[in-house]
Amino acid sequence: MATEETTDYEVGQDNIQANLGPFGLDIHNPVFLISGLAIFAFVIGTLIAPEAATDIFKAMRNWVTVNFDWFFLLAGNIFVLFCLLLIVTPMGKIRLGGKDAKPDYGY
């Protein structure tokens, strides 16, 4: 059986808090840095060489659709079956918004 560990660490204690106008930002150091640099490099590379980027993106799209078309169909079908399963099980009776919630619109 798993044991519960106690710690004084609080979730987000190492995050950087910043404000950008009316928006508050909660920046996770390694995640933000890595993803930000990857997006920046991707955009700059696309702007510098748009023709080469077009060729690369077309080749990538063709490769993905040829090799993973089965995955797209399977994922869509599993999602539909999951939704149907939720409808017919007791979880389909759960009210969003709480026990006393009233629907905004009647159908």
PDB file of N, CA and C in Angstrom:
ATOM      1  N   MET A   1       0.845  -1.166   0.000  1.00  0.00           N
ATOM      2  CA  MET A   1       0.000   0.000   0.000  1.00  0.00           C
ATOM      3  C   MET A   1       0.899   1.240   0.000  1.00  0.00           C
ATOM      4  N   ALA A   2       0.485   2.266  -0.706  1.00  0.00           N
ATOM      5  CA  ALA A   2       1.254   3.506  -0.780  1.00  0.00           C
ATOM      6  C   ALA A   2       1.092   4.299   0.511  1.00  0.00           C
ATOM      7  N   THR A   3       2.169   4.946   0.900  1.00  0.00           N
ATOM      8  CA  THR A   3       2.110   5.794   2.088  1.00  0.00           C
ATOM      9  C   THR A   3       2.073   7.247   1.660  1.00  0.00           C
ATOM     10  N   GLU A   4       1.406   8.047   2.442  1.00  0.00           N
ATOM     11  CA  GLU A   4       1.295   9.465   2.130  1.00  0.00           C
ATOM     12  C   GLU A   4       2.491  10.200   2.722  1.00  0.00           C
ATOM     13  N   GLU A   5       3.171  10.947   1.895  1.00  0.00           N
ATOM     14  CA  GLU A   5       4.331  11.716   2.331  1.00  0.00           C
ATOM     15  C   GLU A   5       3.911  13.144   2.626  1.00  0.00           C
ATOM     16  N   THR A   6       4.520  13.743   3.609  1.00  0.00           N
ATOM     17  CA  THR A   6       4.253  15.149   3.915  1.00  0.00           C
ATOM     18  C   THR A   6       5.473  15.973   3.548  1.00  0.00           C
ATOM     19  N   THR A   7       5.234  17.177   3.090  1.00  0.00           N
ATOM     20  CA  THR A   7       6.318  18.073   2.699  1.00  0.00           C
ATOM     21  C   THR A   7       5.861  19.504   2.891  1.00  0.00           C
ATOM     22  N   ASP A   8       6.829  20.401   2.985  1.00  0.00           N
ATOM     23  CA  ASP A   8       6.477  21.813   3.110  1.00  0.00           C
ATOM     24  C   ASP A   8       6.489  22.510   1.751  1.00  0.00           C
ATOM     25  N   TYR A   9       6.704  21.748   0.680  1.00  0.00           N
ATOM     26  CA  TYR A   9       6.708  22.317  -0.665  1.00  0.00           C
ATOM     27  C   TYR A   9       5.283  22.664  -1.067  1.00  0.00           C
ATOM     28  N   GLU A  10       5.091  23.861  -1.601  1.00  0.00           N
ATOM     29  CA  GLU A  10       3.790  24.273  -2.109  1.00  0.00           C
ATOM     30  C   GLU A  10       3.844  24.323  -3.628  1.00  0.00           C
ATOM     31  N   VAL A  11       2.787  23.873  -4.253  1.00  0.00           N
ATOM     32  CA  VAL A  11       2.727  23.861  -5.708  1.00  0.00           C
ATOM     33  C   VAL A  11       2.880  25.280  -6.224  1.00  0.00           C
ATOM     34  N   GLY A  12       3.812  25.467  -7.147  1.00  0.00           N
ATOM     35  CA  GLY A  12       4.011  26.773  -7.755  1.00  0.00           C
ATOM     36  C   GLY A  12       4.896  27.716  -6.976  1.00  0.00           C
ATOM     37  N   GLN A  13       5.560  27.234  -5.922  1.00  0.00           N
ATOM     38  CA  GLN A  13       6.364  28.144  -5.113  1.00  0.00           C
ATOM     39  C   GLN A  13       7.587  28.670  -5.865  1.00  0.00           C
ATOM     40  N   ASP A  14       8.045  27.960  -6.888  1.00  0.00           N
ATOM     41  CA  ASP A  14       9.210  28.394  -7.653  1.00  0.00           C
ATOM     42  C   ASP A  14       8.836  29.155  -8.913  1.00  0.00           C
ATOM     43  N   ASN A  15       7.568  29.384  -9.147  1.00  0.00           N
ATOM     44  CA  ASN A  15       7.121  30.086 -10.343  1.00  0.00           C
ATOM     45  C   ASN A  15       7.412  31.573 -10.233  1.00  0.00           C
ATOM     46  N   ILE A  16       7.514  32.209 -11.392  1.00  0.00           N
ATOM     47  CA  ILE A  16       7.725  33.652 -11.450  1.00  0.00           C
ATOM     48  C   ILE A  16       6.366  34.309 -11.654  1.00  0.00           C
ATOM     49  N   GLN A  17       6.011  35.220 -10.780  1.00  0.00           N
ATOM     50  CA  GLN A  17       4.749  35.951 -10.891  1.00  0.00           C
ATOM     51  C   GLN A  17       5.018  37.266 -11.612  1.00  0.00           C
ATOM     52  N   ALA A  18       4.250  37.555 -12.645  1.00  0.00           N
ATOM     53  CA  ALA A  18       4.433  38.794 -13.402  1.00  0.00           C
ATOM     54  C   ALA A  18       3.072  39.300 -13.856  1.00  0.00           C
ATOM     55  N   ASN A  19       3.011  40.573 -14.150  1.00  0.00           N
ATOM     56  CA  ASN A  19       1.791  41.180 -14.677  1.00  0.00           C
ATOM     57  C   ASN A  19       2.086  41.786 -16.035  1.00  0.00           C
ATOM     58  N   LEU A  20       1.225  41.502 -16.989  1.00  0.00           N
ATOM     59  CA  LEU A  20       1.326  42.059 -18.326  1.00  0.00           C
ATOM     60  C   LEU A  20       0.020  42.784 -18.580  1.00  0.00           C
ATOM     61  N   GLY A  21       0.003  44.073 -18.251  1.00  0.00           N
ATOM     62  CA  GLY A  21      -1.236  44.832 -18.337  1.00  0.00           C
ATOM     63  C   GLY A  21      -2.212  44.298 -17.306  1.00  0.00           C
ATOM     64  N   PRO A  22      -3.451  44.009 -17.721  1.00  0.00           N
ATOM     65  CA  PRO A  22      -4.436  43.495 -16.762  1.00  0.00           C
ATOM     66  C   PRO A  22      -4.301  41.990 -16.510  1.00  0.00           C
ATOM     67  N   PHE A  23      -3.365  41.332 -17.198  1.00  0.00           N
ATOM     68  CA  PHE A  23      -3.230  39.884 -17.099  1.00  0.00           C
ATOM     69  C   PHE A  23      -2.129  39.508 -16.122  1.00  0.00           C
ATOM     70  N   GLY A  24      -2.425  38.577 -15.250  1.00  0.00           N
ATOM     71  CA  GLY A  24      -1.417  38.046 -14.346  1.00  0.00           C
ATOM     72  C   GLY A  24      -0.791  36.808 -14.966  1.00  0.00           C
ATOM     73  N   LEU A  25       0.531  36.714 -14.894  1.00  0.00           N
ATOM     74  CA  LEU A  25       1.230  35.575 -15.470  1.00  0.00           C
ATOM     75  C   LEU A  25       1.854  34.745 -14.362  1.00  0.00           C
ATOM     76  N   ASP A  26       1.814  33.442 -14.531  1.00  0.00           N
ATOM     77  CA  ASP A  26       2.436  32.508 -13.609  1.00  0.00           C
ATOM     78  C   ASP A  26       3.385  31.661 -14.445  1.00  0.00           C
ATOM     79  N   ILE A  27       4.654  32.031 -14.473  1.00  0.00           N
ATOM     80  CA  ILE A  27       5.621  31.421 -15.382  1.00  0.00           C
ATOM     81  C   ILE A  27       6.349  30.287 -14.671  1.00  0.00           C
ATOM     82  N   HIS A  28       6.308  29.099 -15.265  1.00  0.00           N
ATOM     83  CA  HIS A  28       7.033  27.933 -14.767  1.00  0.00           C
ATOM     84  C   HIS A  28       8.388  27.930 -15.470  1.00  0.00           C
ATOM     85  N   ASN A  29       9.454  28.097 -14.726  1.00  0.00           N
ATOM     86  CA  ASN A  29      10.774  28.343 -15.302  1.00  0.00           C
ATOM     87  C   ASN A  29      11.192  27.402 -16.425  1.00  0.00           C
ATOM     88  N   PRO A  30      11.441  26.119 -16.202  1.00  0.00           N
ATOM     89  CA  PRO A  30      11.962  25.310 -17.312  1.00  0.00           C
ATOM     90  C   PRO A  30      10.944  25.111 -18.424  1.00  0.00           C
ATOM     91  N   VAL A  31       9.688  24.968 -18.082  1.00  0.00           N
ATOM     92  CA  VAL A  31       8.663  24.729 -19.100  1.00  0.00           C
ATOM     93  C   VAL A  31       8.528  25.936 -20.014  1.00  0.00           C
ATOM     94  N   PHE A  32       8.441  27.127 -19.431  1.00  0.00           N
ATOM     95  CA  PHE A  32       8.273  28.335 -20.225  1.00  0.00           C
ATOM     96  C   PHE A  32       9.495  28.592 -21.098  1.00  0.00           C
ATOM     97  N   LEU A  33      10.677  28.425 -20.546  1.00  0.00           N
ATOM     98  CA  LEU A  33      11.900  28.698 -21.296  1.00  0.00           C
ATOM     99  C   LEU A  33      12.035  27.760 -22.491  1.00  0.00           C
ATOM    100  N   ILE A  34      11.860  26.477 -22.275  1.00  0.00           N
ATOM    101  CA  ILE A  34      12.026  25.504 -23.357  1.00  0.00           C
ATOM    102  C   ILE A  34      10.962  25.692 -24.436  1.00  0.00           C
ATOM    103  N   SER A  35       9.706  25.797 -24.043  1.00  0.00           N
ATOM    104  CA  SER A  35       8.650  25.947 -25.046  1.00  0.00           C
ATOM    105  C   SER A  35       8.727  27.300 -25.736  1.00  0.00           C
ATOM    106  N   GLY A  36       9.074  28.354 -24.996  1.00  0.00           N
ATOM    107  CA  GLY A  36       9.209  29.680 -25.600  1.00  0.00           C
ATOM    108  C   GLY A  36      10.312  29.724 -26.642  1.00  0.00           C
ATOM    109  N   LEU A  37      11.460  29.134 -26.329  1.00  0.00           N
ATOM    110  CA  LEU A  37      12.563  29.099 -27.293  1.00  0.00           C
ATOM    111  C   LEU A  37      12.213  28.248 -28.511  1.00  0.00           C
ATOM    112  N   ALA A  38      11.527  27.134 -28.303  1.00  0.00           N
ATOM    113  CA  ALA A  38      11.138  26.288 -29.431  1.00  0.00           C
ATOM    114  C   ALA A  38      10.171  27.020 -30.357  1.00  0.00           C
ATOM    115  N   ILE A  39       9.193  27.707 -29.795  1.00  0.00           N
ATOM    116  CA  ILE A  39       8.239  28.463 -30.612  1.00  0.00           C
ATOM    117  C   ILE A  39       8.937  29.601 -31.333  1.00  0.00           C
ATOM    118  N   PHE A  40       9.816  30.307 -30.634  1.00  0.00           N
ATOM    119  CA  PHE A  40      10.549  31.418 -31.240  1.00  0.00           C
ATOM    120  C   PHE A  40      11.395  30.927 -32.412  1.00  0.00           C
ATOM    121  N   ALA A  41      12.130  29.823 -32.232  1.00  0.00           N
ATOM    122  CA  ALA A  41      12.958  29.274 -33.307  1.00  0.00           C
ATOM    123  C   ALA A  41      12.093  28.824 -34.480  1.00  0.00           C
ATOM    124  N   PHE A  42      10.960  28.221 -34.203  1.00  0.00           N
ATOM    125  CA  PHE A  42      10.044  27.758 -35.238  1.00  0.00           C
ATOM    126  C   PHE A  42       9.530  28.931 -36.068  1.00  0.00           C
ATOM    127  N   VAL A  43       9.101  29.996 -35.410  1.00  0.00           N
ATOM    128  CA  VAL A  43       8.552  31.163 -36.113  1.00  0.00           C
ATOM    129  C   VAL A  43       9.639  31.867 -36.910  1.00  0.00           C
ATOM    130  N   ILE A  44      10.799  32.079 -36.314  1.00  0.00           N
ATOM    131  CA  ILE A  44      11.894  32.758 -37.019  1.00  0.00           C
ATOM    132  C   ILE A  44      12.333  31.940 -38.226  1.00  0.00           C
ATOM    133  N   GLY A  45      12.471  30.629 -38.061  1.00  0.00           N
ATOM    134  CA  GLY A  45      12.857  29.780 -39.192  1.00  0.00           C
ATOM    135  C   GLY A  45      11.844  29.831 -40.318  1.00  0.00           C
ATOM    136  N   THR A  46      10.573  29.881 -39.983  1.00  0.00           N
ATOM    137  CA  THR A  46       9.524  29.961 -40.995  1.00  0.00           C
ATOM    138  C   THR A  46       9.535  31.309 -41.700  1.00  0.00           C
ATOM    139  N   LEU A  47       9.791  32.383 -40.960  1.00  0.00           N
ATOM    140  CA  LEU A  47       9.831  33.711 -41.574  1.00  0.00           C
ATOM    141  C   LEU A  47      11.065  33.912 -42.443  1.00  0.00           C
ATOM    142  N   ILE A  48      12.185  33.320 -42.065  1.00  0.00           N
ATOM    143  CA  ILE A  48      13.423  33.490 -42.831  1.00  0.00           C
ATOM    144  C   ILE A  48      13.358  32.724 -44.152  1.00  0.00           C
ATOM    145  N   ALA A  49      12.826  31.506 -44.117  1.00  0.00           N
ATOM    146  CA  ALA A  49      12.791  30.676 -45.326  1.00  0.00           C
ATOM    147  C   ALA A  49      11.386  30.124 -45.546  1.00  0.00           C
ATOM    148  N   PRO A  50      10.457  30.954 -46.044  1.00  0.00           N
ATOM    149  CA  PRO A  50       9.075  30.477 -46.199  1.00  0.00           C
ATOM    150  C   PRO A  50       8.913  29.365 -47.238  1.00  0.00           C
ATOM    151  N   GLU A  51       9.696  29.401 -48.315  1.00  0.00           N
ATOM    152  CA  GLU A  51       9.567  28.356 -49.336  1.00  0.00           C
ATOM    153  C   GLU A  51      10.027  27.012 -48.795  1.00  0.00           C
ATOM    154  N   ALA A  52      11.161  27.011 -48.108  1.00  0.00           N
ATOM    155  CA  ALA A  52      11.660  25.765 -47.522  1.00  0.00           C
ATOM    156  C   ALA A  52      10.699  25.262 -46.446  1.00  0.00           C
ATOM    157  N   ALA A  53      10.149  26.185 -45.659  1.00  0.00           N
ATOM    158  CA  ALA A  53       9.200  25.793 -44.618  1.00  0.00           C
ATOM    159  C   ALA A  53       7.950  25.179 -45.233  1.00  0.00           C
ATOM    160  N   THR A  54       7.493  25.734 -46.355  1.00  0.00           N
ATOM    161  CA  THR A  54       6.322  25.180 -47.037  1.00  0.00           C
ATOM    162  C   THR A  54       6.587  23.749 -47.474  1.00  0.00           C
ATOM    163  N   ASP A  55       7.759  23.514 -48.065  1.00  0.00           N
ATOM    164  CA  ASP A  55       8.101  22.159 -48.501  1.00  0.00           C
ATOM    165  C   ASP A  55       8.184  21.195 -47.316  1.00  0.00           C
ATOM    166  N   ILE A  56       8.796  21.646 -46.235  1.00  0.00           N
ATOM    167  CA  ILE A  56       8.929  20.797 -45.046  1.00  0.00           C
ATOM    168  C   ILE A  56       7.557  20.478 -44.458  1.00  0.00           C
ATOM    169  N   PHE A  57       6.700  21.491 -44.353  1.00  0.00           N
ATOM    170  CA  PHE A  57       5.374  21.272 -43.766  1.00  0.00           C
ATOM    171  C   PHE A  57       4.520  20.355 -44.629  1.00  0.00           C
ATOM    172  N   LYS A  58       4.620  20.487 -45.945  1.00  0.00           N
ATOM    173  CA  LYS A  58       3.872  19.596 -46.835  1.00  0.00           C
ATOM    174  C   LYS A  58       4.347  18.158 -46.680  1.00  0.00           C
ATOM    175  N   ALA A  59       5.668  17.971 -46.616  1.00  0.00           N
ATOM    176  CA  ALA A  59       6.211  16.623 -46.448  1.00  0.00           C
ATOM    177  C   ALA A  59       5.797  16.028 -45.101  1.00  0.00           C
ATOM    178  N   MET A  60       5.829  16.854 -44.060  1.00  0.00           N
ATOM    179  CA  MET A  60       5.420  16.375 -42.731  1.00  0.00           C
ATOM    180  C   MET A  60       3.944  15.993 -42.716  1.00  0.00           C
ATOM    181  N   ARG A  61       3.102  16.828 -43.330  1.00  0.00           N
ATOM    182  CA  ARG A  61       1.669  16.534 -43.371  1.00  0.00           C
ATOM    183  C   ARG A  61       1.408  15.234 -44.123  1.00  0.00           C
ATOM    184  N   ASN A  62       2.068  15.061 -45.265  1.00  0.00           N
ATOM    185  CA  ASN A  62       1.879  13.836 -46.036  1.00  0.00           C
ATOM    186  C   ASN A  62       2.332  12.614 -45.247  1.00  0.00           C
ATOM    187  N   TRP A  63       3.479  12.710 -44.572  1.00  0.00           N
ATOM    188  CA  TRP A  63       3.990  11.586 -43.799  1.00  0.00           C
ATOM    189  C   TRP A  63       3.042  11.224 -42.662  1.00  0.00           C
ATOM    190  N   VAL A  64       2.549  12.229 -41.955  1.00  0.00           N
ATOM    191  CA  VAL A  64       1.649  11.978 -40.823  1.00  0.00           C
ATOM    192  C   VAL A  64       0.340  11.364 -41.301  1.00  0.00           C
ATOM    193  N   THR A  65      -0.239  11.891 -42.369  1.00  0.00           N
ATOM    194  CA  THR A  65      -1.527  11.357 -42.828  1.00  0.00           C
ATOM    195  C   THR A  65      -1.388   9.959 -43.422  1.00  0.00           C
ATOM    196  N   VAL A  66      -0.257   9.656 -44.041  1.00  0.00           N
ATOM    197  CA  VAL A  66      -0.059   8.314 -44.592  1.00  0.00           C
ATOM    198  C   VAL A  66       0.182   7.300 -43.473  1.00  0.00           C
ATOM    199  N   ASN A  67       0.972   7.669 -42.476  1.00  0.00           N
ATOM    200  CA  ASN A  67       1.366   6.714 -41.443  1.00  0.00           C
ATOM    201  C   ASN A  67       0.443   6.673 -40.230  1.00  0.00           C
ATOM    202  N   PHE A  68      -0.319   7.723 -39.982  1.00  0.00           N
ATOM    203  CA  PHE A  68      -1.137   7.773 -38.777  1.00  0.00           C
ATOM    204  C   PHE A  68      -2.617   8.018 -39.048  1.00  0.00           C
ATOM    205  N   ASP A  69      -3.085   7.755 -40.259  1.00  0.00           N
ATOM    206  CA  ASP A  69      -4.507   7.935 -40.537  1.00  0.00           C
ATOM    207  C   ASP A  69      -5.352   7.003 -39.674  1.00  0.00           C
ATOM    208  N   TRP A  70      -4.861   5.803 -39.410  1.00  0.00           N
ATOM    209  CA  TRP A  70      -5.561   4.855 -38.552  1.00  0.00           C
ATOM    210  C   TRP A  70      -5.729   5.414 -37.145  1.00  0.00           C
ATOM    211  N   PHE A  71      -4.729   6.148 -36.671  1.00  0.00           N
ATOM    212  CA  PHE A  71      -4.793   6.697 -35.320  1.00  0.00           C
ATOM    213  C   PHE A  71      -5.866   7.776 -35.218  1.00  0.00           C
ATOM    214  N   PHE A  72      -5.969   8.627 -36.234  1.00  0.00           N
ATOM    215  CA  PHE A  72      -6.999   9.668 -36.235  1.00  0.00           C
ATOM    216  C   PHE A  72      -8.395   9.045 -36.171  1.00  0.00           C
ATOM    217  N   LEU A  73      -8.633   8.041 -36.993  1.00  0.00           N
ATOM    218  CA  LEU A  73      -9.933   7.370 -36.990  1.00  0.00           C
ATOM    219  C   LEU A  73     -10.194   6.666 -35.663  1.00  0.00           C
ATOM    220  N   LEU A  74      -9.201   5.974 -35.149  1.00  0.00           N
ATOM    221  CA  LEU A  74      -9.364   5.261 -33.887  1.00  0.00           C
ATOM    222  C   LEU A  74      -9.630   6.224 -32.735  1.00  0.00           C
ATOM    223  N   ALA A  75      -8.891   7.331 -32.673  1.00  0.00           N
ATOM    224  CA  ALA A  75      -9.078   8.306 -31.593  1.00  0.00           C
ATOM    225  C   ALA A  75     -10.475   8.918 -31.648  1.00  0.00           C
ATOM    226  N   GLY A  76     -10.945   9.255 -32.832  1.00  0.00           N
ATOM    227  CA  GLY A  76     -12.290   9.813 -32.969  1.00  0.00           C
ATOM    228  C   GLY A  76     -13.364   8.825 -32.549  1.00  0.00           C
ATOM    229  N   ASN A  77     -13.220   7.571 -32.958  1.00  0.00           N
ATOM    230  CA  ASN A  77     -14.205   6.551 -32.590  1.00  0.00           C
ATOM    231  C   ASN A  77     -14.187   6.262 -31.094  1.00  0.00           C
ATOM    232  N   ILE A  78     -13.008   6.218 -30.504  1.00  0.00           N
ATOM    233  CA  ILE A  78     -12.920   5.993 -29.057  1.00  0.00           C
ATOM    234  C   ILE A  78     -13.568   7.147 -28.305  1.00  0.00           C
ATOM    235  N   PHE A  79     -13.368   8.362 -28.763  1.00  0.00           N
ATOM    236  CA  PHE A  79     -13.979   9.515 -28.103  1.00  0.00           C
ATOM    237  C   PHE A  79     -15.501   9.444 -28.172  1.00  0.00           C
ATOM    238  N   VAL A  80     -16.044   9.084 -29.319  1.00  0.00           N
ATOM    239  CA  VAL A  80     -17.500   8.963 -29.460  1.00  0.00           C
ATOM    240  C   VAL A  80     -18.029   7.856 -28.550  1.00  0.00           C
ATOM    241  N   LEU A  81     -17.353   6.719 -28.512  1.00  0.00           N
ATOM    242  CA  LEU A  81     -17.780   5.629 -27.636  1.00  0.00           C
ATOM    243  C   LEU A  81     -17.691   6.021 -26.167  1.00  0.00           C
ATOM    244  N   PHE A  82     -16.666   6.767 -25.802  1.00  0.00           N
ATOM    245  CA  PHE A  82     -16.524   7.238 -24.423  1.00  0.00           C
ATOM    246  C   PHE A  82     -17.682   8.157 -24.047  1.00  0.00           C
ATOM    247  N   CYS A  83     -18.053   9.061 -24.948  1.00  0.00           N
ATOM    248  CA  CYS A  83     -19.184   9.959 -24.677  1.00  0.00           C
ATOM    249  C   CYS A  83     -20.482   9.174 -24.538  1.00  0.00           C
ATOM    250  N   LEU A  84     -20.696   8.198 -25.400  1.00  0.00           N
ATOM    251  CA  LEU A  84     -21.895   7.367 -25.290  1.00  0.00           C
ATOM    252  C   LEU A  84     -21.896   6.581 -23.986  1.00  0.00           C
ATOM    253  N   LEU A  85     -20.738   6.093 -23.581  1.00  0.00           N
ATOM    254  CA  LEU A  85     -20.630   5.378 -22.315  1.00  0.00           C
ATOM    255  C   LEU A  85     -20.979   6.287 -21.142  1.00  0.00           C
ATOM    256  N   LEU A  86     -20.520   7.520 -21.179  1.00  0.00           N
ATOM    257  CA  LEU A  86     -20.861   8.462 -20.114  1.00  0.00           C
ATOM    258  C   LEU A  86     -22.361   8.725 -20.061  1.00  0.00           C
ATOM    259  N   ILE A  87     -23.005   8.752 -21.222  1.00  0.00           N
ATOM    260  CA  ILE A  87     -24.443   9.028 -21.269  1.00  0.00           C
ATOM    261  C   ILE A  87     -25.236   7.911 -20.607  1.00  0.00           C
ATOM    262  N   VAL A  88     -24.871   6.657 -20.867  1.00  0.00           N
ATOM    263  CA  VAL A  88     -25.680   5.536 -20.390  1.00  0.00           C
ATOM    264  C   VAL A  88     -25.303   5.060 -18.990  1.00  0.00           C
ATOM    265  N   THR A  89     -24.196   5.515 -18.437  1.00  0.00           N
ATOM    266  CA  THR A  89     -23.816   5.126 -17.076  1.00  0.00           C
ATOM    267  C   THR A  89     -24.362   6.149 -16.085  1.00  0.00           C
ATOM    268  N   PRO A  90     -24.298   5.856 -14.810  1.00  0.00           N
ATOM    269  CA  PRO A  90     -24.760   6.824 -13.806  1.00  0.00           C
ATOM    270  C   PRO A  90     -24.025   8.165 -13.859  1.00  0.00           C
ATOM    271  N   MET A  91     -22.847   8.204 -14.449  1.00  0.00           N
ATOM    272  CA  MET A  91     -22.137   9.483 -14.569  1.00  0.00           C
ATOM    273  C   MET A  91     -22.873  10.466 -15.466  1.00  0.00           C
ATOM    274  N   GLY A  92     -23.753   9.971 -16.305  1.00  0.00           N
ATOM    275  CA  GLY A  92     -24.537  10.845 -17.161  1.00  0.00           C
ATOM    276  C   GLY A  92     -25.569  11.660 -16.407  1.00  0.00           C
ATOM    277  N   LYS A  93     -25.833  11.298 -15.170  1.00  0.00           N
ATOM    278  CA  LYS A  93     -26.806  12.017 -14.346  1.00  0.00           C
ATOM    279  C   LYS A  93     -26.174  13.124 -13.507  1.00  0.00           C
ATOM    280  N   ILE A  94     -24.854  13.240 -13.542  1.00  0.00           N
ATOM    281  CA  ILE A  94     -24.176  14.256 -12.733  1.00  0.00           C
ATOM    282  C   ILE A  94     -24.511  15.639 -13.272  1.00  0.00           C
ATOM    283  N   ARG A  95     -24.947  16.517 -12.377  1.00  0.00           N
ATOM    284  CA  ARG A  95     -25.279  17.887 -12.769  1.00  0.00           C
ATOM    285  C   ARG A  95     -24.017  18.736 -12.758  1.00  0.00           C
ATOM    286  N   LEU A  96     -23.797  19.451 -13.820  1.00  0.00           N
ATOM    287  CA  LEU A  96     -22.698  20.407 -13.845  1.00  0.00           C
ATOM    288  C   LEU A  96     -23.165  21.659 -13.131  1.00  0.00           C
ATOM    289  N   GLY A  97     -22.401  22.114 -12.162  1.00  0.00           N
ATOM    290  CA  GLY A  97     -22.786  23.307 -11.432  1.00  0.00           C
ATOM    291  C   GLY A  97     -23.283  23.020 -10.035  1.00  0.00           C
ATOM    292  N   GLY A  98     -23.391  21.765  -9.657  1.00  0.00           N
ATOM    293  CA  GLY A  98     -23.794  21.450  -8.298  1.00  0.00           C
ATOM    294  C   GLY A  98     -25.186  20.858  -8.202  1.00  0.00           C
ATOM    295  N   LYS A  99     -25.560  20.486  -6.988  1.00  0.00           N
ATOM    296  CA  LYS A  99     -26.825  19.792  -6.745  1.00  0.00           C
ATOM    297  C   LYS A  99     -28.037  20.667  -7.038  1.00  0.00           C
ATOM    298  N   ASP A 100     -27.955  21.945  -6.740  1.00  0.00           N
ATOM    299  CA  ASP A 100     -29.098  22.845  -6.913  1.00  0.00           C
ATOM    300  C   ASP A 100     -29.046  23.651  -8.208  1.00  0.00           C
ATOM    301  N   ALA A 101     -28.186  23.281  -9.137  1.00  0.00           N
ATOM    302  CA  ALA A 101     -28.038  24.042 -10.379  1.00  0.00           C
ATOM    303  C   ALA A 101     -29.274  23.883 -11.254  1.00  0.00           C
ATOM    304  N   LYS A 102     -29.670  24.958 -11.868  1.00  0.00           N
ATOM    305  CA  LYS A 102     -30.807  24.959 -12.794  1.00  0.00           C
ATOM    306  C   LYS A 102     -30.279  25.230 -14.205  1.00  0.00           C
ATOM    307  N   PRO A 103     -30.839  24.565 -15.210  1.00  0.00           N
ATOM    308  CA  PRO A 103     -30.378  24.814 -16.575  1.00  0.00           C
ATOM    309  C   PRO A 103     -30.751  26.219 -17.043  1.00  0.00           C
ATOM    310  N   ASP A 104     -29.862  26.829 -17.805  1.00  0.00           N
ATOM    311  CA  ASP A 104     -30.139  28.149 -18.362  1.00  0.00           C
ATOM    312  C   ASP A 104     -31.195  28.074 -19.456  1.00  0.00           C
ATOM    313  N   TYR A 105     -31.193  26.974 -20.192  1.00  0.00           N
ATOM    314  CA  TYR A 105     -32.133  26.805 -21.299  1.00  0.00           C
ATOM    315  C   TYR A 105     -32.812  25.450 -21.162  1.00  0.00           C
ATOM    316  N   GLY A 106     -34.109  25.395 -21.420  1.00  0.00           N
ATOM    317  CA  GLY A 106     -34.826  24.127 -21.416  1.00  0.00           C
ATOM    318  C   GLY A 106     -34.974  23.631 -22.845  1.00  0.00           C
ATOM    319  N   TYR A 107     -34.778  22.345 -23.048  1.00  0.00           N
ATOM    320  CA  TYR A 107     -34.881  21.810 -24.398  1.00  0.00           C
ATOM    321  C   TYR A 107     -36.053  20.882 -24.502  1.00  0.00           C
TER     322      TYR A 107
END
